[in-house]
Structures are given as C-alpha cells and as structure tokens.
Amino acid sequence: AKQLDATIGGTLAEAPGVAMRSFGPGPARPVIRGLDGDRVVVLEDGQRMGDLSSQSGDHGVPVNPAAAKKIEVVRGPATLLYGANAIGGLVNVITDTIPTEPTTRPSGAFTIDFGSNGGAAGGAGDIHVGNGTFALHVGAAGRRTGNYTTPDGEVDNSQSRMAMGTVGASW
C-alpha cells in the first residue's frame, strides 16, 4: 500500500528482483530478473490479461493497482506451472472485483500523484459499497503527462495519456 502507483509496473518497481520497463509514465510493465515482454506473465485473479503490453513497449498493463488486495510475484521453477512463456516470472494481482464475502460498509483505496515536469499527473481508485446482499464495485486508473521539457525547450508531441475503468455488481 505504501508503494501504490497508478500502474502495476510502478507499484512493483521497488520490490526485490523487480524493475520497471517504461515507455513513458502510462505504459509501465514489471521486469523480473531482467526478463520482460512475453517472458513475464501478468494475471488478474489468476486469469491472463491478454493485452499487448508483453508485445510492445508503448502499451500498458490494464490492471488497476488500487483494486489489488494483494500482489503475488512468482519467480523460479514455480512459474512453469503457468506455461513456458512465464519463464521470467509471474505477477498475479488479486482483486476484490467480485466480492468473496458480504459487503456491508464502504471500503476502497485511492492514490493521486503529481510531477512538476511537463504537468504530469496520475491516479488510481477503487471503491466497494453494499448492504450485505447487493454489492457494487467501481475502479479507475489514469495517468497524463504534458510535453516533456529539455534544456533546449519542450519536445512537441511527447504527451501521453492512459485511462481504464471497471464496474461490477454482485448479489
């Protein structure tokens, strides 16, 4: 919770043996033991994400870190249980998108961060509300940067934006 960031790569960047591949502030992906791309599998609640982030550096992993109850990082031989392409490692984000117990009071997590260079801003949030019989889940994450500034001036067309959201209900 102390290292919560708007992306899963940023959230895990300080974990032992994990780094971050970033092609800007939005498309950040974990690098485990120096391996990246399709050699590191990212799961959400045990299901493969099926996104383009493993194939291309300018795509982010569509996981909202604020929705995570816990994040599992698997390294070594245990990753072979998830297929040969998980040889570098595995990240499994365990969420409470579908509540496993009755929700009787509001709960959630939010993070907001700002950067002084280029007007960078980002945030992620996740909230659950319910009455014990019916539960509603809403989650969102986003990140934005303006043009990057160098000693020679601003770099045109260097802006980036990323946004995603989830809504779920259960009864």
Protein backbone atom coordinates (compact mmCIF):
# COMPACT_ATOMS: atom_id res chain seq x y z
CA ALA A 1 0.00 0.00 0.00
CA LYS A 2 2.90 2.39 0.68
CA GLN A 3 4.26 1.88 -2.85
CA LEU A 4 0.93 2.15 -4.65
CA ASP A 5 1.29 3.79 -8.06
CA ALA A 6 -1.10 4.32 -10.98
CA THR A 7 0.48 1.37 -12.87
CA ILE A 8 1.39 -2.17 -11.85
CA GLY A 9 4.97 -1.61 -13.07
CA GLY A 10 5.36 1.46 -10.87
CA THR A 11 3.83 -0.30 -7.87
CA LEU A 12 6.30 -3.20 -8.09
CA ALA A 13 9.36 -1.15 -9.14
CA GLU A 14 10.93 -1.25 -5.66
CA ALA A 15 10.25 -4.94 -4.94
CA PRO A 16 13.37 -7.17 -4.72
CA GLY A 17 14.29 -8.62 -8.12
CA VAL A 18 11.69 -6.50 -9.92
CA ALA A 19 12.30 -3.43 -12.08
CA MET A 20 10.07 -1.41 -14.37
CA ARG A 21 10.05 -1.06 -18.15
CA SER A 22 8.53 2.26 -19.01
CA PHE A 23 7.95 3.89 -22.36
CA GLY A 24 6.51 6.93 -20.64
CA PRO A 25 4.53 7.21 -17.40
CA GLY A 26 1.45 5.25 -18.55
CA PRO A 27 2.78 2.10 -20.23
CA ALA A 28 4.82 0.69 -17.36
CA ARG A 29 5.37 -3.07 -17.04
CA PRO A 30 7.27 -5.18 -14.48
CA VAL A 31 10.66 -6.65 -15.38
CA ILE A 32 11.57 -9.71 -13.30
CA ARG A 33 15.21 -10.80 -13.04
CA GLY A 34 15.99 -8.83 -16.20
CA LEU A 35 13.33 -10.56 -18.29
CA ASP A 36 10.39 -8.77 -19.81
CA GLY A 37 7.84 -8.96 -22.58
CA ASP A 38 6.22 -12.31 -23.20
CA ARG A 39 8.58 -13.95 -20.68
CA VAL A 40 6.79 -12.30 -17.76
CA VAL A 41 3.11 -13.18 -17.40
CA VAL A 42 0.68 -10.76 -15.71
CA LEU A 43 -2.51 -12.24 -14.29
CA GLU A 44 -5.52 -10.66 -12.62
CA ASP A 45 -7.26 -13.02 -10.22
CA GLY A 46 -5.45 -15.95 -11.86
CA GLN A 47 -6.56 -15.07 -15.40
CA ARG A 48 -4.21 -13.95 -18.17
CA MET A 49 -4.65 -10.33 -19.16
CA GLY A 50 -4.46 -10.88 -22.93
CA ASP A 51 -3.15 -7.37 -23.58
CA LEU A 52 -0.47 -6.01 -25.90
CA SER A 53 1.92 -4.87 -23.16
CA SER A 54 4.05 -8.00 -23.49
CA GLN A 55 4.50 -7.41 -27.22
CA SER A 56 5.04 -3.66 -27.43
CA GLY A 57 6.65 -1.14 -25.10
CA ASP A 58 4.07 1.57 -25.77
CA HIS A 59 1.18 -0.44 -24.30
CA GLY A 60 0.43 -0.56 -20.58
CA VAL A 61 -0.91 -3.42 -18.49
CA PRO A 62 -4.65 -2.79 -17.93
CA VAL A 63 -4.61 -3.56 -14.21
CA ASN A 64 -5.71 -1.05 -11.58
CA PRO A 65 -3.22 -1.40 -8.70
CA ALA A 66 -5.59 0.38 -6.29
CA ALA A 67 -8.00 -2.54 -6.73
CA ALA A 68 -5.39 -5.05 -5.52
CA LYS A 69 -5.93 -6.78 -2.21
CA LYS A 70 -2.50 -8.34 -2.69
CA ILE A 71 0.04 -8.80 -5.46
CA GLU A 72 1.89 -12.09 -5.84
CA VAL A 73 5.26 -12.18 -7.61
CA VAL A 74 6.40 -15.69 -8.55
CA ARG A 75 9.98 -16.40 -9.68
CA GLY A 76 11.93 -19.55 -10.38
CA PRO A 77 10.68 -23.05 -11.23
CA ALA A 78 7.17 -22.44 -9.84
CA THR A 79 6.44 -20.22 -12.85
CA LEU A 80 6.42 -23.27 -15.12
CA LEU A 81 3.01 -24.16 -13.66
CA TYR A 82 1.70 -21.21 -15.70
CA GLY A 83 3.26 -22.19 -19.05
CA ALA A 84 6.62 -21.98 -20.74
CA ASN A 85 6.31 -18.28 -21.56
CA ALA A 86 6.26 -17.44 -17.82
CA ILE A 87 9.94 -18.43 -17.55
CA GLY A 88 10.95 -14.93 -16.42
CA GLY A 89 8.32 -14.67 -13.73
CA LEU A 90 4.71 -14.09 -12.96
CA VAL A 91 2.70 -11.28 -11.38
CA ASN A 92 -0.77 -12.15 -10.10
CA VAL A 93 -2.89 -9.23 -8.95
CA ILE A 94 -5.55 -10.46 -6.52
CA THR A 95 -8.52 -8.09 -6.52
CA ASP A 96 -11.91 -8.00 -4.86
CA THR A 97 -13.76 -7.04 -8.04
CA ILE A 98 -16.17 -9.88 -7.35
CA PRO A 99 -16.58 -9.79 -3.55
CA THR A 100 -15.91 -13.08 -1.78
CA GLU A 101 -17.80 -12.03 1.37
CA PRO A 102 -20.78 -9.76 2.04
CA THR A 103 -20.03 -6.05 1.72
CA THR A 104 -21.73 -4.11 4.49
CA ARG A 105 -19.76 -0.85 4.59
CA PRO A 106 -17.89 1.25 2.04
CA SER A 107 -14.21 0.43 1.55
CA GLY A 108 -11.54 1.23 -1.00
CA ALA A 109 -8.20 2.77 -1.84
CA PHE A 110 -7.12 5.87 -3.75
CA THR A 111 -3.81 7.31 -4.87
CA ILE A 112 -3.01 10.60 -6.60
CA ASP A 113 0.44 11.72 -7.71
CA PHE A 114 1.78 14.79 -9.48
CA GLY A 115 5.05 15.67 -11.21
CA SER A 116 6.48 19.12 -11.77
CA ASN A 117 7.99 18.43 -15.20
CA GLY A 118 5.55 18.53 -18.10
CA GLY A 119 2.40 18.69 -16.00
CA ALA A 120 2.43 15.00 -15.07
CA ALA A 121 -0.46 13.67 -13.02
CA GLY A 122 -1.85 10.25 -12.24
CA GLY A 123 -4.24 8.46 -10.01
CA ALA A 124 -5.99 5.21 -9.26
CA GLY A 125 -9.02 4.39 -7.18
CA ASP A 126 -11.22 1.51 -6.16
CA ILE A 127 -14.35 1.50 -4.03
CA HIS A 128 -16.83 -1.12 -2.79
CA VAL A 129 -20.27 -0.37 -1.38
CA GLY A 130 -23.02 -2.76 -0.37
CA ASN A 131 -25.77 -3.65 2.05
CA GLY A 132 -24.85 -7.28 2.77
CA THR A 133 -26.98 -8.64 -0.08
CA PHE A 134 -26.02 -6.42 -3.02
CA ALA A 135 -22.51 -5.13 -3.73
CA LEU A 136 -21.22 -2.58 -6.23
CA HIS A 137 -17.58 -2.21 -7.25
CA VAL A 138 -16.15 0.76 -9.19
CA GLY A 139 -12.48 1.14 -10.12
CA ALA A 140 -10.50 3.51 -12.33
CA ALA A 141 -6.91 4.49 -13.08
CA GLY A 142 -5.37 7.16 -15.26
CA ARG A 143 -2.14 8.94 -16.00
CA ARG A 144 -1.28 12.04 -18.02
CA THR A 145 1.82 13.97 -18.96
CA GLY A 146 2.24 17.16 -20.91
CA ASN A 147 5.09 17.85 -23.30
CA TYR A 148 8.49 16.90 -21.88
CA THR A 149 10.83 19.80 -21.22
CA THR A 150 14.54 19.68 -22.06
CA PRO A 151 17.23 22.38 -21.71
CA ASP A 152 16.56 23.23 -25.39
CA GLY A 153 12.80 23.63 -24.85
CA GLU A 154 9.69 21.50 -24.98
CA VAL A 155 9.54 18.33 -27.05
CA ASP A 156 6.47 18.52 -29.29
CA ASN A 157 4.02 15.59 -29.32
CA SER A 158 5.58 13.97 -26.24
CA GLN A 159 2.29 13.88 -24.34
CA SER A 160 0.90 10.59 -23.13
CA ARG A 161 -2.41 9.56 -21.61
CA MET A 162 -3.69 6.29 -20.21
CA ALA A 163 -7.09 5.54 -18.69
CA MET A 164 -9.06 2.44 -17.70
CA GLY A 165 -12.04 1.59 -15.55
CA THR A 166 -14.12 -1.27 -14.20
CA VAL A 167 -17.63 -1.57 -12.83
CA GLY A 168 -19.13 -4.71 -11.30
CA ALA A 169 -22.12 -5.75 -9.28
CA SER A 170 -22.92 -8.89 -7.35
CA TRP A 171 -25.77 -10.15 -5.21
